[in-house]
């Protein structure tokens, strides 16, 4: 039976609370300054201002349904802000009648802990690995790797190493499914929220919070939102070639198309806000 690709509101509320507690303990151990991000991302998803992988459910479902599969597919979740990519992939595989063997990888154990909690809720066995994707060498290569909005964390000079890592981690004929926002008009520098976007982001959060987070301290929430909006930044991916070039050079055959998601009525815009964005949707096949 398919697993829900998006969590119900009650569980998202629990997840937001859990992320805050876990991040305070585990993010400092990751070697990265990431608590401001991992502690709040489920909050933004709950409040409708975080663009999790579920906005591309159709792509992952259709791609996975169209691929040849082994009876027990080995699947790598490459980068995981929370449990969102795991949920979307699980839903897609189960719709295709496949019960996969998941490994979830991230540099920080906070999102991995959220994935473990969610997997236990579904009676799903998963493996988790706290490591930089470029340093991960699996004992047995994977059949499929899934990732969402991941490439923008890497500068252009780092993307060939990322592509080669995926190539090593997949078996010959294995598939990489990835989605990334395109910003054709962006400057080369990392891109974040503009001043106007910060104000709209914060205002939307404070407007929606009382209904979904009735016990939340709004002053604290505003502080968290402003910190997040001030710090989040991505290396822009300008064109399809920025994605397909490193993958082809690493030994992938790349099928790429684009999809424009319109703005959501009444909502803010910004780097991690759903809608008002052009996305590249990629199915890349390893040539081995």
C-alpha atoms as a PDB file:
ATOM      1  CA  UNK A   1       0.000   0.000   0.000  1.00  0.00           C
ATOM      2  CA  UNK A   2       1.392   3.456  -0.878  1.00  0.00           C
ATOM      3  CA  UNK A   3       2.717   5.553   1.985  1.00  0.00           C
ATOM      4  CA  UNK A   4       1.498   9.151   2.134  1.00  0.00           C
ATOM      5  CA  UNK A   5       3.929  11.438   0.287  1.00  0.00           C
ATOM      6  CA  UNK A   6       3.072  14.314   2.604  1.00  0.00           C
ATOM      7  CA  UNK A   7       2.461  14.070   6.305  1.00  0.00           C
ATOM      8  CA  UNK A   8      -0.828  15.021   7.929  1.00  0.00           C
ATOM      9  CA  UNK A   9      -0.871  18.302   9.843  1.00  0.00           C
ATOM     10  CA  UNK A  10      -0.778  16.657  13.270  1.00  0.00           C
ATOM     11  CA  UNK A  11       2.325  14.671  12.422  1.00  0.00           C
ATOM     12  CA  UNK A  12       4.031  17.714  10.868  1.00  0.00           C
ATOM     13  CA  UNK A  13       3.391  19.515  14.155  1.00  0.00           C
ATOM     14  CA  UNK A  14       5.028  16.667  16.055  1.00  0.00           C
ATOM     15  CA  UNK A  15       7.890  16.586  13.579  1.00  0.00           C
ATOM     16  CA  UNK A  16       8.517  20.325  13.988  1.00  0.00           C
ATOM     17  CA  UNK A  17       8.716  19.942  17.754  1.00  0.00           C
ATOM     18  CA  UNK A  18      10.964  16.891  17.477  1.00  0.00           C
ATOM     19  CA  UNK A  19      13.310  18.601  15.006  1.00  0.00           C
ATOM     20  CA  UNK A  20      13.820  21.505  17.373  1.00  0.00           C
ATOM     21  CA  UNK A  21      14.852  19.188  20.220  1.00  0.00           C
ATOM     22  CA  UNK A  22      17.052  16.919  18.114  1.00  0.00           C
ATOM     23  CA  UNK A  23      18.843  19.765  16.344  1.00  0.00           C
ATOM     24  CA  UNK A  24      19.979  21.322  19.614  1.00  0.00           C
ATOM     25  CA  UNK A  25      21.715  18.066  20.515  1.00  0.00           C
ATOM     26  CA  UNK A  26      22.934  16.652  17.213  1.00  0.00           C
ATOM     27  CA  UNK A  27      23.602  19.495  14.804  1.00  0.00           C
ATOM     28  CA  UNK A  28      26.688  20.656  16.748  1.00  0.00           C
ATOM     29  CA  UNK A  29      28.151  17.162  16.344  1.00  0.00           C
ATOM     30  CA  UNK A  30      27.924  17.317  12.549  1.00  0.00           C
ATOM     31  CA  UNK A  31      30.831  19.713  12.170  1.00  0.00           C
ATOM     32  CA  UNK A  32      28.540  22.150  10.358  1.00  0.00           C
ATOM     33  CA  UNK A  33      26.636  25.165  11.630  1.00  0.00           C
ATOM     34  CA  UNK A  34      23.203  23.802  10.692  1.00  0.00           C
ATOM     35  CA  UNK A  35      20.910  23.969  13.748  1.00  0.00           C
ATOM     36  CA  UNK A  36      19.270  27.175  12.490  1.00  0.00           C
ATOM     37  CA  UNK A  37      18.233  25.179   9.399  1.00  0.00           C
ATOM     38  CA  UNK A  38      17.429  21.679  10.642  1.00  0.00           C
ATOM     39  CA  UNK A  39      15.573  22.909  13.734  1.00  0.00           C
ATOM     40  CA  UNK A  40      13.158  24.981  11.641  1.00  0.00           C
ATOM     41  CA  UNK A  41      12.693  23.300   8.265  1.00  0.00           C
ATOM     42  CA  UNK A  42       9.715  21.152   9.388  1.00  0.00           C
ATOM     43  CA  UNK A  43       8.149  24.348  10.754  1.00  0.00           C
ATOM     44  CA  UNK A  44       8.292  26.013   7.354  1.00  0.00           C
ATOM     45  CA  UNK A  45       6.855  22.931   5.680  1.00  0.00           C
ATOM     46  CA  UNK A  46       3.996  22.881   8.207  1.00  0.00           C
ATOM     47  CA  UNK A  47       3.282  26.560   7.523  1.00  0.00           C
ATOM     48  CA  UNK A  48       3.384  26.125   3.741  1.00  0.00           C
ATOM     49  CA  UNK A  49       6.516  28.192   3.126  1.00  0.00           C
ATOM     50  CA  UNK A  50       8.999  25.342   2.636  1.00  0.00           C
ATOM     51  CA  UNK A  51       9.259  23.614  -0.738  1.00  0.00           C
ATOM     52  CA  UNK A  52       9.785  19.983   0.198  1.00  0.00           C
ATOM     53  CA  UNK A  53      10.086  17.150  -2.343  1.00  0.00           C
ATOM     54  CA  UNK A  54       6.318  16.525  -2.258  1.00  0.00           C
ATOM     55  CA  UNK A  55       5.865  19.409  -4.725  1.00  0.00           C
ATOM     56  CA  UNK A  56       7.382  17.021  -7.285  1.00  0.00           C
ATOM     57  CA  UNK A  57       5.446  13.884  -6.337  1.00  0.00           C
ATOM     58  CA  UNK A  58       4.328  13.347  -9.940  1.00  0.00           C
ATOM     59  CA  UNK A  59       7.877  13.374 -11.289  1.00  0.00           C
ATOM     60  CA  UNK A  60       9.166  10.807  -8.793  1.00  0.00           C
ATOM     61  CA  UNK A  61       6.099   8.586  -9.163  1.00  0.00           C
ATOM     62  CA  UNK A  62       6.238   8.592 -12.955  1.00  0.00           C
ATOM     63  CA  UNK A  63      10.011   8.165 -13.125  1.00  0.00           C
ATOM     64  CA  UNK A  64      10.095   5.276 -10.677  1.00  0.00           C
ATOM     65  CA  UNK A  65       7.114   3.562 -12.333  1.00  0.00           C
ATOM     66  CA  UNK A  66       8.867   3.721 -15.713  1.00  0.00           C
ATOM     67  CA  UNK A  67      12.200   2.238 -14.606  1.00  0.00           C
ATOM     68  CA  UNK A  68      13.070  -1.461 -14.647  1.00  0.00           C
ATOM     69  CA  UNK A  69      13.412  -2.699 -11.079  1.00  0.00           C
ATOM     70  CA  UNK A  70      14.930  -5.571  -9.213  1.00  0.00           C
ATOM     71  CA  UNK A  71      12.597  -7.292  -6.725  1.00  0.00           C
ATOM     72  CA  UNK A  72      14.338  -5.526  -3.832  1.00  0.00           C
ATOM     73  CA  UNK A  73      15.715  -2.248  -5.161  1.00  0.00           C
ATOM     74  CA  UNK A  74      18.604  -0.668  -3.246  1.00  0.00           C
ATOM     75  CA  UNK A  75      17.816   3.038  -2.974  1.00  0.00           C
ATOM     76  CA  UNK A  76      20.012   5.904  -1.776  1.00  0.00           C
ATOM     77  CA  UNK A  77      18.400   9.102  -0.478  1.00  0.00           C
ATOM     78  CA  UNK A  78      21.183  11.598  -1.173  1.00  0.00           C
ATOM     79  CA  UNK A  79      20.816  14.498   1.234  1.00  0.00           C
ATOM     80  CA  UNK A  80      17.837  14.851   3.540  1.00  0.00           C
ATOM     81  CA  UNK A  81      16.691  18.068   5.217  1.00  0.00           C
ATOM     82  CA  UNK A  82      14.085  15.989   7.056  1.00  0.00           C
ATOM     83  CA  UNK A  83      12.045  12.901   6.201  1.00  0.00           C
ATOM     84  CA  UNK A  84      10.452  14.482   3.098  1.00  0.00           C
ATOM     85  CA  UNK A  85      12.512  12.810   0.353  1.00  0.00           C
ATOM     86  CA  UNK A  86      12.233   9.427   2.059  1.00  0.00           C
ATOM     87  CA  UNK A  87       8.447   9.783   2.200  1.00  0.00           C
ATOM     88  CA  UNK A  88       8.098  10.791  -1.446  1.00  0.00           C
ATOM     89  CA  UNK A  89      10.361   7.970  -2.635  1.00  0.00           C
ATOM     90  CA  UNK A  90       8.628   5.367  -0.456  1.00  0.00           C
ATOM     91  CA  UNK A  91       5.240   6.447  -1.776  1.00  0.00           C
ATOM     92  CA  UNK A  92       6.463   6.218  -5.384  1.00  0.00           C
ATOM     93  CA  UNK A  93       8.044   2.795  -4.970  1.00  0.00           C
ATOM     94  CA  UNK A  94       5.031   1.330  -3.206  1.00  0.00           C
ATOM     95  CA  UNK A  95       2.753   2.636  -5.949  1.00  0.00           C
ATOM     96  CA  UNK A  96       5.000   0.716  -8.354  1.00  0.00           C
ATOM     97  CA  UNK A  97       4.595  -2.418  -6.213  1.00  0.00           C
ATOM     98  CA  UNK A  98       8.165  -2.374  -4.893  1.00  0.00           C
ATOM     99  CA  UNK A  99       9.364  -2.492  -1.299  1.00  0.00           C
ATOM    100  CA  UNK A 100      12.843  -0.903  -1.485  1.00  0.00           C
ATOM    101  CA  UNK A 101      15.875  -1.171   0.759  1.00  0.00           C
ATOM    102  CA  UNK A 102      16.584   2.459   1.742  1.00  0.00           C
ATOM    103  CA  UNK A 103      19.804   4.109   2.825  1.00  0.00           C
ATOM    104  CA  UNK A 104      19.427   7.766   3.818  1.00  0.00           C
ATOM    105  CA  UNK A 105      22.566   9.897   3.800  1.00  0.00           C
ATOM    106  CA  UNK A 106      23.239  13.374   5.157  1.00  0.00           C
ATOM    107  CA  UNK A 107      26.181  15.112   6.816  1.00  0.00           C
ATOM    108  CA  UNK A 108      24.088  15.748   9.929  1.00  0.00           C
ATOM    109  CA  UNK A 109      22.289  13.211  12.117  1.00  0.00           C
ATOM    110  CA  UNK A 110      19.304  15.501  12.803  1.00  0.00           C
ATOM    111  CA  UNK A 111      17.449  14.745   9.537  1.00  0.00           C
ATOM    112  CA  UNK A 112      18.562  11.134   9.770  1.00  0.00           C
ATOM    113  CA  UNK A 113      16.951  10.884  13.213  1.00  0.00           C
ATOM    114  CA  UNK A 114      13.715  12.304  11.787  1.00  0.00           C
ATOM    115  CA  UNK A 115      13.861   9.674   9.042  1.00  0.00           C
ATOM    116  CA  UNK A 116      14.367   6.919  11.604  1.00  0.00           C
ATOM    117  CA  UNK A 117      11.363   8.116  13.624  1.00  0.00           C
ATOM    118  CA  UNK A 118       9.199   8.247  10.521  1.00  0.00           C
ATOM    119  CA  UNK A 119      10.390   4.816   9.351  1.00  0.00           C
ATOM    120  CA  UNK A 120       9.584   3.304  12.749  1.00  0.00           C
ATOM    121  CA  UNK A 121       6.103   4.818  12.513  1.00  0.00           C
ATOM    122  CA  UNK A 122       5.626   2.948   9.215  1.00  0.00           C
ATOM    123  CA  UNK A 123       7.366  -0.238  10.433  1.00  0.00           C
ATOM    124  CA  UNK A 124       9.995   0.373   7.748  1.00  0.00           C
ATOM    125  CA  UNK A 125      13.617  -0.720   8.158  1.00  0.00           C
ATOM    126  CA  UNK A 126      16.118   1.837   6.846  1.00  0.00           C
ATOM    127  CA  UNK A 127      19.864   2.448   7.034  1.00  0.00           C
ATOM    128  CA  UNK A 128      21.234   5.905   7.801  1.00  0.00           C
ATOM    129  CA  UNK A 129      24.703   7.281   7.125  1.00  0.00           C
ATOM    130  CA  UNK A 130      26.055  10.567   8.517  1.00  0.00           C
ATOM    131  CA  UNK A 131      28.631  11.534   5.911  1.00  0.00           C
ATOM    132  CA  UNK A 132      29.364  13.949   3.083  1.00  0.00           C
ATOM    133  CA  UNK A 133      27.979  12.400  -0.107  1.00  0.00           C
ATOM    134  CA  UNK A 134      31.357  12.832  -1.816  1.00  0.00           C
ATOM    135  CA  UNK A 135      33.069  10.673   0.813  1.00  0.00           C
ATOM    136  CA  UNK A 136      30.549   7.836   0.827  1.00  0.00           C
ATOM    137  CA  UNK A 137      31.715   4.521  -0.618  1.00  0.00           C
ATOM    138  CA  UNK A 138      28.973   1.854  -0.285  1.00  0.00           C
ATOM    139  CA  UNK A 139      29.904  -1.800   0.053  1.00  0.00           C
ATOM    140  CA  UNK A 140      27.323  -2.649  -2.622  1.00  0.00           C
ATOM    141  CA  UNK A 141      26.283  -0.100  -5.271  1.00  0.00           C
ATOM    142  CA  UNK A 142      22.743   1.201  -5.394  1.00  0.00           C
ATOM    143  CA  UNK A 143      20.096   0.726  -8.058  1.00  0.00           C
ATOM    144  CA  UNK A 144      18.593   4.201  -7.681  1.00  0.00           C
ATOM    145  CA  UNK A 145      19.541   7.475  -5.985  1.00  0.00           C
ATOM    146  CA  UNK A 146      16.898  10.125  -5.234  1.00  0.00           C
ATOM    147  CA  UNK A 147      17.516  13.715  -4.270  1.00  0.00           C
ATOM    148  CA  UNK A 148      15.696  17.049  -4.316  1.00  0.00           C
ATOM    149  CA  UNK A 149      17.063  20.620  -4.356  1.00  0.00           C
ATOM    150  CA  UNK A 150      20.526  19.310  -3.512  1.00  0.00           C
ATOM    151  CA  UNK A 151      22.908  20.548  -6.211  1.00  0.00           C
ATOM    152  CA  UNK A 152      22.569  24.186  -5.130  1.00  0.00           C
ATOM    153  CA  UNK A 153      24.445  23.375  -1.925  1.00  0.00           C
ATOM    154  CA  UNK A 154      27.559  22.847  -4.065  1.00  0.00           C
ATOM    155  CA  UNK A 155      29.563  25.542  -5.833  1.00  0.00           C
ATOM    156  CA  UNK A 156      30.043  25.004  -9.583  1.00  0.00           C
ATOM    157  CA  UNK A 157      33.627  23.885  -8.968  1.00  0.00           C
ATOM    158  CA  UNK A 158      32.367  21.157  -6.592  1.00  0.00           C
ATOM    159  CA  UNK A 159      29.699  19.704  -8.864  1.00  0.00           C
ATOM    160  CA  UNK A 160      31.987  17.419 -10.895  1.00  0.00           C
ATOM    161  CA  UNK A 161      33.020  15.698  -7.639  1.00  0.00           C
ATOM    162  CA  UNK A 162      29.362  15.333  -6.686  1.00  0.00           C
ATOM    163  CA  UNK A 163      28.509  13.792 -10.049  1.00  0.00           C
ATOM    164  CA  UNK A 164      31.450  11.384  -9.843  1.00  0.00           C
ATOM    165  CA  UNK A 165      30.364  10.352  -6.333  1.00  0.00           C
ATOM    166  CA  UNK A 166      26.889   9.453  -7.603  1.00  0.00           C
ATOM    167  CA  UNK A 167      28.489   7.536 -10.464  1.00  0.00           C
ATOM    168  CA  UNK A 168      30.568   5.469  -8.013  1.00  0.00           C
ATOM    169  CA  UNK A 169      27.613   4.823  -5.747  1.00  0.00           C
ATOM    170  CA  UNK A 170      25.324   3.487  -8.495  1.00  0.00           C
ATOM    171  CA  UNK A 171      25.672   0.181 -10.297  1.00  0.00           C
ATOM    172  CA  UNK A 172      26.101   0.205 -14.093  1.00  0.00           C
ATOM    173  CA  UNK A 173      22.622   0.936 -15.446  1.00  0.00           C
ATOM    174  CA  UNK A 174      21.548   2.472 -12.130  1.00  0.00           C
ATOM    175  CA  UNK A 175      19.516   5.655 -12.109  1.00  0.00           C
ATOM    176  CA  UNK A 176      19.778   9.070 -10.469  1.00  0.00           C
ATOM    177  CA  UNK A 177      16.497  10.959 -10.016  1.00  0.00           C
ATOM    178  CA  UNK A 178      17.046  14.575  -9.095  1.00  0.00           C
ATOM    179  CA  UNK A 179      15.185  17.890  -9.179  1.00  0.00           C
ATOM    180  CA  UNK A 180      16.756  21.310  -8.867  1.00  0.00           C
ATOM    181  CA  UNK A 181      15.558  24.866  -9.232  1.00  0.00           C
ATOM    182  CA  UNK A 182      16.947  26.850 -12.164  1.00  0.00           C
ATOM    183  CA  UNK A 183      17.767  30.540 -11.803  1.00  0.00           C
ATOM    184  CA  UNK A 184      18.748  31.713 -15.297  1.00  0.00           C
ATOM    185  CA  UNK A 185      18.928  35.400 -14.356  1.00  0.00           C
ATOM    186  CA  UNK A 186      20.815  35.057 -11.077  1.00  0.00           C
ATOM    187  CA  UNK A 187      24.288  36.458 -10.509  1.00  0.00           C
ATOM    188  CA  UNK A 188      27.073  33.923  -9.880  1.00  0.00           C
ATOM    189  CA  UNK A 189      27.152  34.654  -6.133  1.00  0.00           C
ATOM    190  CA  UNK A 190      25.093  32.581  -3.671  1.00  0.00           C
ATOM    191  CA  UNK A 191      21.482  33.704  -3.715  1.00  0.00           C
ATOM    192  CA  UNK A 192      19.219  34.258  -0.698  1.00  0.00           C
ATOM    193  CA  UNK A 193      16.119  36.192   0.282  1.00  0.00           C
ATOM    194  CA  UNK A 194      15.827  39.856  -0.669  1.00  0.00           C
ATOM    195  CA  UNK A 195      14.821  42.327   2.039  1.00  0.00           C
ATOM    196  CA  UNK A 196      11.251  42.429   0.713  1.00  0.00           C
ATOM    197  CA  UNK A 197      11.096  38.632   0.552  1.00  0.00           C
ATOM    198  CA  UNK A 198      12.247  38.353   4.171  1.00  0.00           C
ATOM    199  CA  UNK A 199       9.436  40.626   5.332  1.00  0.00           C
ATOM    200  CA  UNK A 200       6.818  38.720   3.315  1.00  0.00           C
ATOM    201  CA  UNK A 201       8.188  35.376   4.556  1.00  0.00           C
ATOM    202  CA  UNK A 202       8.026  36.462   8.204  1.00  0.00           C
ATOM    203  CA  UNK A 203       4.582  38.063   7.826  1.00  0.00           C
ATOM    204  CA  UNK A 204       3.144  34.887   6.263  1.00  0.00           C
ATOM    205  CA  UNK A 205       4.565  32.728   9.045  1.00  0.00           C
ATOM    206  CA  UNK A 206       3.148  34.950  11.787  1.00  0.00           C
ATOM    207  CA  UNK A 207      -0.218  35.028  10.033  1.00  0.00           C
ATOM    208  CA  UNK A 208      -0.486  31.243   9.707  1.00  0.00           C
ATOM    209  CA  UNK A 209       1.127  30.178  12.967  1.00  0.00           C
ATOM    210  CA  UNK A 210      -1.762  30.773  15.421  1.00  0.00           C
ATOM    211  CA  UNK A 211      -3.979  28.213  13.664  1.00  0.00           C
ATOM    212  CA  UNK A 212      -1.290  25.549  13.206  1.00  0.00           C
ATOM    213  CA  UNK A 213       0.953  26.245  16.213  1.00  0.00           C
ATOM    214  CA  UNK A 214      -1.425  27.538  18.898  1.00  0.00           C
ATOM    215  CA  UNK A 215       1.151  27.309  21.709  1.00  0.00           C
ATOM    216  CA  UNK A 216       4.048  28.792  19.777  1.00  0.00           C
ATOM    217  CA  UNK A 217       5.813  31.890  21.125  1.00  0.00           C
ATOM    218  CA  UNK A 218       5.378  34.275  18.178  1.00  0.00           C
ATOM    219  CA  UNK A 219       8.332  36.445  19.145  1.00  0.00           C
ATOM    220  CA  UNK A 220      10.567  33.380  19.116  1.00  0.00           C
ATOM    221  CA  UNK A 221       9.045  32.206  15.850  1.00  0.00           C
ATOM    222  CA  UNK A 222       9.730  35.578  14.246  1.00  0.00           C
ATOM    223  CA  UNK A 223      13.333  35.423  15.441  1.00  0.00           C
ATOM    224  CA  UNK A 224      13.754  31.912  14.009  1.00  0.00           C
ATOM    225  CA  UNK A 225      12.206  32.981  10.714  1.00  0.00           C
ATOM    226  CA  UNK A 226      14.426  36.038  10.378  1.00  0.00           C
ATOM    227  CA  UNK A 227      17.548  34.030  11.182  1.00  0.00           C
ATOM    228  CA  UNK A 228      16.619  31.378   8.632  1.00  0.00           C
ATOM    229  CA  UNK A 229      15.798  33.911   5.903  1.00  0.00           C
ATOM    230  CA  UNK A 230      19.009  35.833   6.584  1.00  0.00           C
ATOM    231  CA  UNK A 231      21.230  32.748   6.437  1.00  0.00           C
ATOM    232  CA  UNK A 232      19.777  30.449   3.785  1.00  0.00           C
ATOM    233  CA  UNK A 233      21.633  30.738   0.485  1.00  0.00           C
ATOM    234  CA  UNK A 234      22.288  28.550  -2.528  1.00  0.00           C
ATOM    235  CA  UNK A 235      24.799  28.528  -5.320  1.00  0.00           C
ATOM    236  CA  UNK A 236      22.573  29.257  -8.306  1.00  0.00           C
ATOM    237  CA  UNK A 237      22.060  26.666 -11.019  1.00  0.00           C
ATOM    238  CA  UNK A 238      21.542  28.841 -14.069  1.00  0.00           C
ATOM    239  CA  UNK A 239      20.846  26.410 -16.898  1.00  0.00           C
ATOM    240  CA  UNK A 240      20.113  22.779 -17.655  1.00  0.00           C
ATOM    241  CA  UNK A 241      23.708  22.474 -18.863  1.00  0.00           C
ATOM    242  CA  UNK A 242      24.944  23.360 -15.370  1.00  0.00           C
ATOM    243  CA  UNK A 243      23.358  20.101 -14.234  1.00  0.00           C
ATOM    244  CA  UNK A 244      23.734  17.841 -17.260  1.00  0.00           C
ATOM    245  CA  UNK A 245      27.357  18.804 -18.019  1.00  0.00           C
ATOM    246  CA  UNK A 246      28.973  17.385 -14.856  1.00  0.00           C
ATOM    247  CA  UNK A 247      26.714  14.324 -14.994  1.00  0.00           C
ATOM    248  CA  UNK A 248      27.611  13.524 -18.611  1.00  0.00           C
ATOM    249  CA  UNK A 249      31.309  13.999 -17.888  1.00  0.00           C
ATOM    250  CA  UNK A 250      31.020  11.626 -14.918  1.00  0.00           C
ATOM    251  CA  UNK A 251      29.543   8.881 -17.089  1.00  0.00           C
ATOM    252  CA  UNK A 252      25.775   9.383 -17.054  1.00  0.00           C
ATOM    253  CA  UNK A 253      23.277   9.480 -19.866  1.00  0.00           C
ATOM    254  CA  UNK A 254      20.978  12.352 -18.967  1.00  0.00           C
ATOM    255  CA  UNK A 255      17.290  12.858 -19.716  1.00  0.00           C
ATOM    256  CA  UNK A 256      16.284  16.348 -18.580  1.00  0.00           C
ATOM    257  CA  UNK A 257      13.140  18.437 -18.853  1.00  0.00           C
ATOM    258  CA  UNK A 258      11.904  21.575 -17.172  1.00  0.00           C
ATOM    259  CA  UNK A 259       8.751  22.462 -15.272  1.00  0.00           C
ATOM    260  CA  UNK A 260       7.500  25.878 -14.206  1.00  0.00           C
ATOM    261  CA  UNK A 261       5.608  26.057 -10.936  1.00  0.00           C
ATOM    262  CA  UNK A 262       3.534  29.274 -10.722  1.00  0.00           C
ATOM    263  CA  UNK A 263       3.368  31.427  -7.585  1.00  0.00           C
ATOM    264  CA  UNK A 264       1.022  30.263  -4.869  1.00  0.00           C
ATOM    265  CA  UNK A 265      -1.797  32.791  -4.390  1.00  0.00           C
ATOM    266  CA  UNK A 266      -1.350  34.891  -1.285  1.00  0.00           C
ATOM    267  CA  UNK A 267       2.025  33.467  -0.376  1.00  0.00           C
ATOM    268  CA  UNK A 268       5.559  34.854  -0.228  1.00  0.00           C
ATOM    269  CA  UNK A 269       8.359  34.158  -2.691  1.00  0.00           C
ATOM    270  CA  UNK A 270      11.957  33.289  -2.008  1.00  0.00           C
ATOM    271  CA  UNK A 271      14.693  30.673  -2.493  1.00  0.00           C
ATOM    272  CA  UNK A 272      13.024  27.833  -0.553  1.00  0.00           C
ATOM    273  CA  UNK A 273       9.365  28.873  -0.877  1.00  0.00           C
ATOM    274  CA  UNK A 274       7.213  26.644  -3.110  1.00  0.00           C
ATOM    275  CA  UNK A 275       6.036  28.042  -6.430  1.00  0.00           C
ATOM    276  CA  UNK A 276       7.194  30.854  -8.697  1.00  0.00           C
ATOM    277  CA  UNK A 277      10.148  28.790  -9.915  1.00  0.00           C
ATOM    278  CA  UNK A 278      11.542  26.896 -12.884  1.00  0.00           C
ATOM    279  CA  UNK A 279      12.785  23.397 -12.105  1.00  0.00           C
ATOM    280  CA  UNK A 280      14.943  20.901 -13.957  1.00  0.00           C
ATOM    281  CA  UNK A 281      13.764  17.294 -13.605  1.00  0.00           C
ATOM    282  CA  UNK A 282      16.471  14.717 -14.341  1.00  0.00           C
ATOM    283  CA  UNK A 283      16.629  10.977 -14.863  1.00  0.00           C
ATOM    284  CA  UNK A 284      20.311  10.085 -15.328  1.00  0.00           C
ATOM    285  CA  UNK A 285      21.482   6.556 -16.097  1.00  0.00           C
ATOM    286  CA  UNK A 286      24.945   5.371 -15.110  1.00  0.00           C
ATOM    287  CA  UNK A 287      27.010   3.969 -17.966  1.00  0.00           C
ATOM    288  CA  UNK A 288      29.227   2.207 -15.426  1.00  0.00           C
END
